[in-house]
Amino acid sequence: MNETILLKRITFNPKIFGGKPIIRGRRLAVEHILGMLAAGDNAEAILAGYPWLEPEDIQACILYQKICQP
């Protein structure tokens, strides 16, 4: 999946978390996923905790961090 398509999974809604980047319009912030990864959680554990989440969502969060957060 190319970067442009992955980044489309990251959305913004001023009514959810004050407009912070979220995953596909859901109430799950990109920073939350990145925090779980930083704490040592692996993708499988994160996916198990959020059944609606897809592996590409996690990839999108990592890509967003690399591109959009210096």
PDB file of N, CA and C in Angstrom:
ATOM      1  N   MET A   1       0.858  -1.172   0.000  1.00  0.00           N
ATOM      2  CA  MET A   1       0.000   0.000   0.000  1.00  0.00           C
ATOM      3  C   MET A   1       0.906   1.236   0.000  1.00  0.00           C
ATOM      4  N   ASN A   2       0.601   2.205  -0.849  1.00  0.00           N
ATOM      5  CA  ASN A   2       1.496   3.353  -0.917  1.00  0.00           C
ATOM      6  C   ASN A   2       1.206   4.343   0.210  1.00  0.00           C
ATOM      7  N   GLU A   3       2.133   5.266   0.413  1.00  0.00           N
ATOM      8  CA  GLU A   3       2.059   6.185   1.540  1.00  0.00           C
ATOM      9  C   GLU A   3       0.816   7.072   1.501  1.00  0.00           C
ATOM     10  N   THR A   4       0.438   7.528   0.320  1.00  0.00           N
ATOM     11  CA  THR A   4      -0.728   8.399   0.209  1.00  0.00           C
ATOM     12  C   THR A   4      -1.987   7.683   0.676  1.00  0.00           C
ATOM     13  N   ILE A   5      -2.147   6.456   0.282  1.00  0.00           N
ATOM     14  CA  ILE A   5      -3.323   5.680   0.689  1.00  0.00           C
ATOM     15  C   ILE A   5      -3.285   5.415   2.194  1.00  0.00           C
ATOM     16  N   LEU A   6      -2.123   5.072   2.712  1.00  0.00           N
ATOM     17  CA  LEU A   6      -2.012   4.835   4.153  1.00  0.00           C
ATOM     18  C   LEU A   6      -2.389   6.083   4.941  1.00  0.00           C
ATOM     19  N   LEU A   7      -1.894   7.233   4.520  1.00  0.00           N
ATOM     20  CA  LEU A   7      -2.155   8.463   5.267  1.00  0.00           C
ATOM     21  C   LEU A   7      -3.621   8.878   5.230  1.00  0.00           C
ATOM     22  N   LYS A   8      -4.387   8.391   4.272  1.00  0.00           N
ATOM     23  CA  LYS A   8      -5.819   8.693   4.225  1.00  0.00           C
ATOM     24  C   LYS A   8      -6.562   8.041   5.389  1.00  0.00           C
ATOM     25  N   ARG A   9      -5.927   7.093   6.053  1.00  0.00           N
ATOM     26  CA  ARG A   9      -6.519   6.447   7.222  1.00  0.00           C
ATOM     27  C   ARG A   9      -6.470   7.365   8.441  1.00  0.00           C
ATOM     28  N   ILE A  10      -5.614   8.373   8.395  1.00  0.00           N
ATOM     29  CA  ILE A  10      -5.485   9.327   9.487  1.00  0.00           C
ATOM     30  C   ILE A  10      -6.399  10.508   9.177  1.00  0.00           C
ATOM     31  N   THR A  11      -7.331  10.767  10.083  1.00  0.00           N
ATOM     32  CA  THR A  11      -8.297  11.840   9.858  1.00  0.00           C
ATOM     33  C   THR A  11      -8.271  12.813  11.039  1.00  0.00           C
ATOM     34  N   PHE A  12      -8.980  13.898  10.865  1.00  0.00           N
ATOM     35  CA  PHE A  12      -9.078  14.931  11.893  1.00  0.00           C
ATOM     36  C   PHE A  12     -10.541  15.332  12.035  1.00  0.00           C
ATOM     37  N   ASN A  13     -10.988  15.456  13.271  1.00  0.00           N
ATOM     38  CA  ASN A  13     -12.355  15.890  13.532  1.00  0.00           C
ATOM     39  C   ASN A  13     -12.298  16.770  14.777  1.00  0.00           C
ATOM     40  N   PRO A  14     -12.642  18.042  14.635  1.00  0.00           N
ATOM     41  CA  PRO A  14     -12.544  18.935  15.787  1.00  0.00           C
ATOM     42  C   PRO A  14     -13.427  18.505  16.961  1.00  0.00           C
ATOM     43  N   LYS A  15     -14.395  17.639  16.731  1.00  0.00           N
ATOM     44  CA  LYS A  15     -15.274  17.158  17.796  1.00  0.00           C
ATOM     45  C   LYS A  15     -14.702  15.948  18.529  1.00  0.00           C
ATOM     46  N   ILE A  16     -13.620  15.387  18.012  1.00  0.00           N
ATOM     47  CA  ILE A  16     -13.004  14.214  18.631  1.00  0.00           C
ATOM     48  C   ILE A  16     -11.583  14.572  19.044  1.00  0.00           C
ATOM     49  N   PHE A  17     -11.309  14.489  20.336  1.00  0.00           N
ATOM     50  CA  PHE A  17      -9.986  14.775  20.894  1.00  0.00           C
ATOM     51  C   PHE A  17      -9.438  16.130  20.457  1.00  0.00           C
ATOM     52  N   GLY A  18     -10.316  17.110  20.320  1.00  0.00           N
ATOM     53  CA  GLY A  18      -9.885  18.466  19.993  1.00  0.00           C
ATOM     54  C   GLY A  18      -9.204  18.600  18.649  1.00  0.00           C
ATOM     55  N   GLY A  19      -9.505  17.694  17.729  1.00  0.00           N
ATOM     56  CA  GLY A  19      -8.940  17.786  16.389  1.00  0.00           C
ATOM     57  C   GLY A  19      -7.600  17.081  16.228  1.00  0.00           C
ATOM     58  N   LYS A  20      -7.175  16.341  17.240  1.00  0.00           N
ATOM     59  CA  LYS A  20      -5.931  15.569  17.099  1.00  0.00           C
ATOM     60  C   LYS A  20      -6.111  14.509  16.019  1.00  0.00           C
ATOM     61  N   PRO A  21      -5.014  14.058  15.420  1.00  0.00           N
ATOM     62  CA  PRO A  21      -5.135  13.004  14.410  1.00  0.00           C
ATOM     63  C   PRO A  21      -5.688  11.714  15.017  1.00  0.00           C
ATOM     64  N   ILE A  22      -6.674  11.150  14.325  1.00  0.00           N
ATOM     65  CA  ILE A  22      -7.325   9.924  14.770  1.00  0.00           C
ATOM     66  C   ILE A  22      -7.339   8.912  13.626  1.00  0.00           C
ATOM     67  N   ILE A  23      -7.709   7.708  13.943  1.00  0.00           N
ATOM     68  CA  ILE A  23      -7.710   6.638  12.947  1.00  0.00           C
ATOM     69  C   ILE A  23      -9.109   6.456  12.379  1.00  0.00           C
ATOM     70  N   ARG A  24      -9.245   6.709  11.091  1.00  0.00           N
ATOM     71  CA  ARG A  24     -10.474   6.493  10.333  1.00  0.00           C
ATOM     72  C   ARG A  24     -11.722   7.045  11.010  1.00  0.00           C
ATOM     73  N   GLY A  25     -11.605   8.226  11.592  1.00  0.00           N
ATOM     74  CA  GLY A  25     -12.763   8.870  12.190  1.00  0.00           C
ATOM     75  C   GLY A  25     -13.214   8.283  13.513  1.00  0.00           C
ATOM     76  N   ARG A  26     -12.495   7.330  14.019  1.00  0.00           N
ATOM     77  CA  ARG A  26     -12.852   6.668  15.278  1.00  0.00           C
ATOM     78  C   ARG A  26     -12.256   7.422  16.453  1.00  0.00           C
ATOM     79  N   ARG A  27     -12.690   7.076  17.621  1.00  0.00           N
ATOM     80  CA  ARG A  27     -12.189   7.715  18.838  1.00  0.00           C
ATOM     81  C   ARG A  27     -10.920   7.005  19.323  1.00  0.00           C
ATOM     82  N   LEU A  28      -9.952   6.930  18.452  1.00  0.00           N
ATOM     83  CA  LEU A  28      -8.651   6.360  18.795  1.00  0.00           C
ATOM     84  C   LEU A  28      -7.587   7.258  18.174  1.00  0.00           C
ATOM     85  N   ALA A  29      -6.847   7.929  19.033  1.00  0.00           N
ATOM     86  CA  ALA A  29      -5.846   8.887  18.571  1.00  0.00           C
ATOM     87  C   ALA A  29      -4.586   8.175  18.081  1.00  0.00           C
ATOM     88  N   VAL A  30      -3.987   8.757  17.079  1.00  0.00           N
ATOM     89  CA  VAL A  30      -2.717   8.255  16.553  1.00  0.00           C
ATOM     90  C   VAL A  30      -1.688   8.201  17.679  1.00  0.00           C
ATOM     91  N   GLU A  31      -1.661   9.231  18.512  1.00  0.00           N
ATOM     92  CA  GLU A  31      -0.677   9.274  19.595  1.00  0.00           C
ATOM     93  C   GLU A  31      -0.864   8.112  20.566  1.00  0.00           C
ATOM     94  N   HIS A  32      -2.083   7.621  20.715  1.00  0.00           N
ATOM     95  CA  HIS A  32      -2.329   6.482  21.602  1.00  0.00           C
ATOM     96  C   HIS A  32      -1.674   5.217  21.042  1.00  0.00           C
ATOM     97  N   ILE A  33      -1.852   4.982  19.756  1.00  0.00           N
ATOM     98  CA  ILE A  33      -1.225   3.814  19.123  1.00  0.00           C
ATOM     99  C   ILE A  33       0.290   3.927  19.204  1.00  0.00           C
ATOM    100  N   LEU A  34       0.820   5.104  18.908  1.00  0.00           N
ATOM    101  CA  LEU A  34       2.265   5.303  18.966  1.00  0.00           C
ATOM    102  C   LEU A  34       2.786   5.111  20.384  1.00  0.00           C
ATOM    103  N   GLY A  35       2.014   5.538  21.359  1.00  0.00           N
ATOM    104  CA  GLY A  35       2.400   5.343  22.752  1.00  0.00           C
ATOM    105  C   GLY A  35       2.443   3.871  23.133  1.00  0.00           C
ATOM    106  N   MET A  36       1.468   3.113  22.653  1.00  0.00           N
ATOM    107  CA  MET A  36       1.472   1.678  22.940  1.00  0.00           C
ATOM    108  C   MET A  36       2.684   1.004  22.306  1.00  0.00           C
ATOM    109  N   LEU A  37       3.000   1.392  21.075  1.00  0.00           N
ATOM    110  CA  LEU A  37       4.179   0.820  20.415  1.00  0.00           C
ATOM    111  C   LEU A  37       5.451   1.192  21.171  1.00  0.00           C
ATOM    112  N   ALA A  38       5.540   2.441  21.600  1.00  0.00           N
ATOM    113  CA  ALA A  38       6.718   2.898  22.342  1.00  0.00           C
ATOM    114  C   ALA A  38       6.865   2.175  23.684  1.00  0.00           C
ATOM    115  N   ALA A  39       5.727   1.786  24.250  1.00  0.00           N
ATOM    116  CA  ALA A  39       5.747   1.077  25.530  1.00  0.00           C
ATOM    117  C   ALA A  39       6.089  -0.402  25.374  1.00  0.00           C
ATOM    118  N   GLY A  40       6.213  -0.846  24.133  1.00  0.00           N
ATOM    119  CA  GLY A  40       6.615  -2.231  23.901  1.00  0.00           C
ATOM    120  C   GLY A  40       5.527  -3.149  23.404  1.00  0.00           C
ATOM    121  N   ASP A  41       4.311  -2.642  23.260  1.00  0.00           N
ATOM    122  CA  ASP A  41       3.251  -3.486  22.711  1.00  0.00           C
ATOM    123  C   ASP A  41       3.542  -3.777  21.248  1.00  0.00           C
ATOM    124  N   ASN A  42       3.245  -4.985  20.820  1.00  0.00           N
ATOM    125  CA  ASN A  42       3.421  -5.297  19.403  1.00  0.00           C
ATOM    126  C   ASN A  42       2.090  -5.127  18.675  1.00  0.00           C
ATOM    127  N   ALA A  43       2.155  -5.176  17.369  1.00  0.00           N
ATOM    128  CA  ALA A  43       0.958  -4.946  16.555  1.00  0.00           C
ATOM    129  C   ALA A  43      -0.141  -5.952  16.874  1.00  0.00           C
ATOM    130  N   GLU A  44       0.218  -7.198  17.112  1.00  0.00           N
ATOM    131  CA  GLU A  44      -0.780  -8.223  17.395  1.00  0.00           C
ATOM    132  C   GLU A  44      -1.562  -7.893  18.671  1.00  0.00           C
ATOM    133  N   ALA A  45      -0.869  -7.423  19.695  1.00  0.00           N
ATOM    134  CA  ALA A  45      -1.533  -7.081  20.954  1.00  0.00           C
ATOM    135  C   ALA A  45      -2.469  -5.889  20.761  1.00  0.00           C
ATOM    136  N   ILE A  46      -2.026  -4.909  20.006  1.00  0.00           N
ATOM    137  CA  ILE A  46      -2.857  -3.735  19.746  1.00  0.00           C
ATOM    138  C   ILE A  46      -4.094  -4.135  18.956  1.00  0.00           C
ATOM    139  N   LEU A  47      -3.912  -4.943  17.927  1.00  0.00           N
ATOM    140  CA  LEU A  47      -5.041  -5.392  17.108  1.00  0.00           C
ATOM    141  C   LEU A  47      -6.030  -6.216  17.934  1.00  0.00           C
ATOM    142  N   ALA A  48      -5.526  -6.990  18.863  1.00  0.00           N
ATOM    143  CA  ALA A  48      -6.408  -7.795  19.714  1.00  0.00           C
ATOM    144  C   ALA A  48      -7.249  -6.898  20.627  1.00  0.00           C
ATOM    145  N   GLY A  49      -6.683  -5.781  21.044  1.00  0.00           N
ATOM    146  CA  GLY A  49      -7.394  -4.865  21.917  1.00  0.00           C
ATOM    147  C   GLY A  49      -8.422  -4.001  21.209  1.00  0.00           C
ATOM    148  N   TYR A  50      -8.269  -3.863  19.916  1.00  0.00           N
ATOM    149  CA  TYR A  50      -9.172  -3.038  19.099  1.00  0.00           C
ATOM    150  C   TYR A  50      -9.570  -3.859  17.874  1.00  0.00           C
ATOM    151  N   PRO A  51     -10.588  -4.691  17.990  1.00  0.00           N
ATOM    152  CA  PRO A  51     -10.955  -5.610  16.911  1.00  0.00           C
ATOM    153  C   PRO A  51     -11.256  -4.944  15.568  1.00  0.00           C
ATOM    154  N   TRP A  52     -11.681  -3.704  15.573  1.00  0.00           N
ATOM    155  CA  TRP A  52     -11.991  -2.992  14.322  1.00  0.00           C
ATOM    156  C   TRP A  52     -10.725  -2.456  13.647  1.00  0.00           C
ATOM    157  N   LEU A  53      -9.638  -2.393  14.394  1.00  0.00           N
ATOM    158  CA  LEU A  53      -8.387  -1.857  13.871  1.00  0.00           C
ATOM    159  C   LEU A  53      -7.770  -2.826  12.869  1.00  0.00           C
ATOM    160  N   GLU A  54      -7.140  -2.298  11.841  1.00  0.00           N
ATOM    161  CA  GLU A  54      -6.485  -3.111  10.817  1.00  0.00           C
ATOM    162  C   GLU A  54      -4.979  -2.864  10.850  1.00  0.00           C
ATOM    163  N   PRO A  55      -4.184  -3.841  10.435  1.00  0.00           N
ATOM    164  CA  PRO A  55      -2.728  -3.661  10.439  1.00  0.00           C
ATOM    165  C   PRO A  55      -2.289  -2.388   9.695  1.00  0.00           C
ATOM    166  N   GLU A  56      -2.998  -2.051   8.640  1.00  0.00           N
ATOM    167  CA  GLU A  56      -2.648  -0.848   7.870  1.00  0.00           C
ATOM    168  C   GLU A  56      -2.849   0.427   8.687  1.00  0.00           C
ATOM    169  N   ASP A  57      -3.756   0.383   9.663  1.00  0.00           N
ATOM    170  CA  ASP A  57      -3.955   1.538  10.538  1.00  0.00           C
ATOM    171  C   ASP A  57      -2.702   1.793  11.374  1.00  0.00           C
ATOM    172  N   ILE A  58      -2.109   0.734  11.862  1.00  0.00           N
ATOM    173  CA  ILE A  58      -0.876   0.869  12.644  1.00  0.00           C
ATOM    174  C   ILE A  58       0.251   1.373  11.746  1.00  0.00           C
ATOM    175  N   GLN A  59       0.342   0.824  10.558  1.00  0.00           N
ATOM    176  CA  GLN A  59       1.355   1.309   9.604  1.00  0.00           C
ATOM    177  C   GLN A  59       1.160   2.788   9.313  1.00  0.00           C
ATOM    178  N   ALA A  60      -0.094   3.206   9.186  1.00  0.00           N
ATOM    179  CA  ALA A  60      -0.399   4.613   8.907  1.00  0.00           C
ATOM    180  C   ALA A  60       0.053   5.502  10.060  1.00  0.00           C
ATOM    181  N   CYS A  61      -0.129   5.050  11.290  1.00  0.00           N
ATOM    182  CA  CYS A  61       0.314   5.827  12.453  1.00  0.00           C
ATOM    183  C   CYS A  61       1.825   6.013  12.443  1.00  0.00           C
ATOM    184  N   ILE A  62       2.538   4.956  12.158  1.00  0.00           N
ATOM    185  CA  ILE A  62       4.002   5.026  12.114  1.00  0.00           C
ATOM    186  C   ILE A  62       4.449   5.963  11.001  1.00  0.00           C
ATOM    187  N   LEU A  63       3.842   5.846   9.857  1.00  0.00           N
ATOM    188  CA  LEU A  63       4.167   6.724   8.729  1.00  0.00           C
ATOM    189  C   LEU A  63       3.838   8.173   9.061  1.00  0.00           C
ATOM    190  N   TYR A  64       2.688   8.415   9.673  1.00  0.00           N
ATOM    191  CA  TYR A  64       2.298   9.768  10.060  1.00  0.00           C
ATOM    192  C   TYR A  64       3.344  10.379  10.973  1.00  0.00           C
ATOM    193  N   GLN A  65       3.819   9.598  11.928  1.00  0.00           N
ATOM    194  CA  GLN A  65       4.842  10.106  12.843  1.00  0.00           C
ATOM    195  C   GLN A  65       6.118  10.485  12.088  1.00  0.00           C
ATOM    196  N   LYS A  66       6.527   9.655  11.175  1.00  0.00           N
ATOM    197  CA  LYS A  66       7.759   9.919  10.414  1.00  0.00           C
ATOM    198  C   LYS A  66       7.637  11.168   9.543  1.00  0.00           C
ATOM    199  N   ILE A  67       6.476  11.354   8.935  1.00  0.00           N
ATOM    200  CA  ILE A  67       6.304  12.432   7.969  1.00  0.00           C
ATOM    201  C   ILE A  67       5.850  13.740   8.625  1.00  0.00           C
ATOM    202  N   CYS A  68       4.947  13.634   9.564  1.00  0.00           N
ATOM    203  CA  CYS A  68       4.271  14.841  10.071  1.00  0.00           C
ATOM    204  C   CYS A  68       4.755  15.332  11.425  1.00  0.00           C
ATOM    205  N   GLN A  69       5.498  14.548  12.135  1.00  0.00           N
ATOM    206  CA  GLN A  69       5.947  14.967  13.457  1.00  0.00           C
ATOM    207  C   GLN A  69       7.474  14.925  13.512  1.00  0.00           C
ATOM    208  N   PRO A  70       8.078  16.105  13.409  1.00  0.00           N
ATOM    209  CA  PRO A  70       9.557  16.137  13.423  1.00  0.00           C
ATOM    210  C   PRO A  70      10.146  15.668  14.730  1.00  0.00           C
TER     211      PRO A  70
END
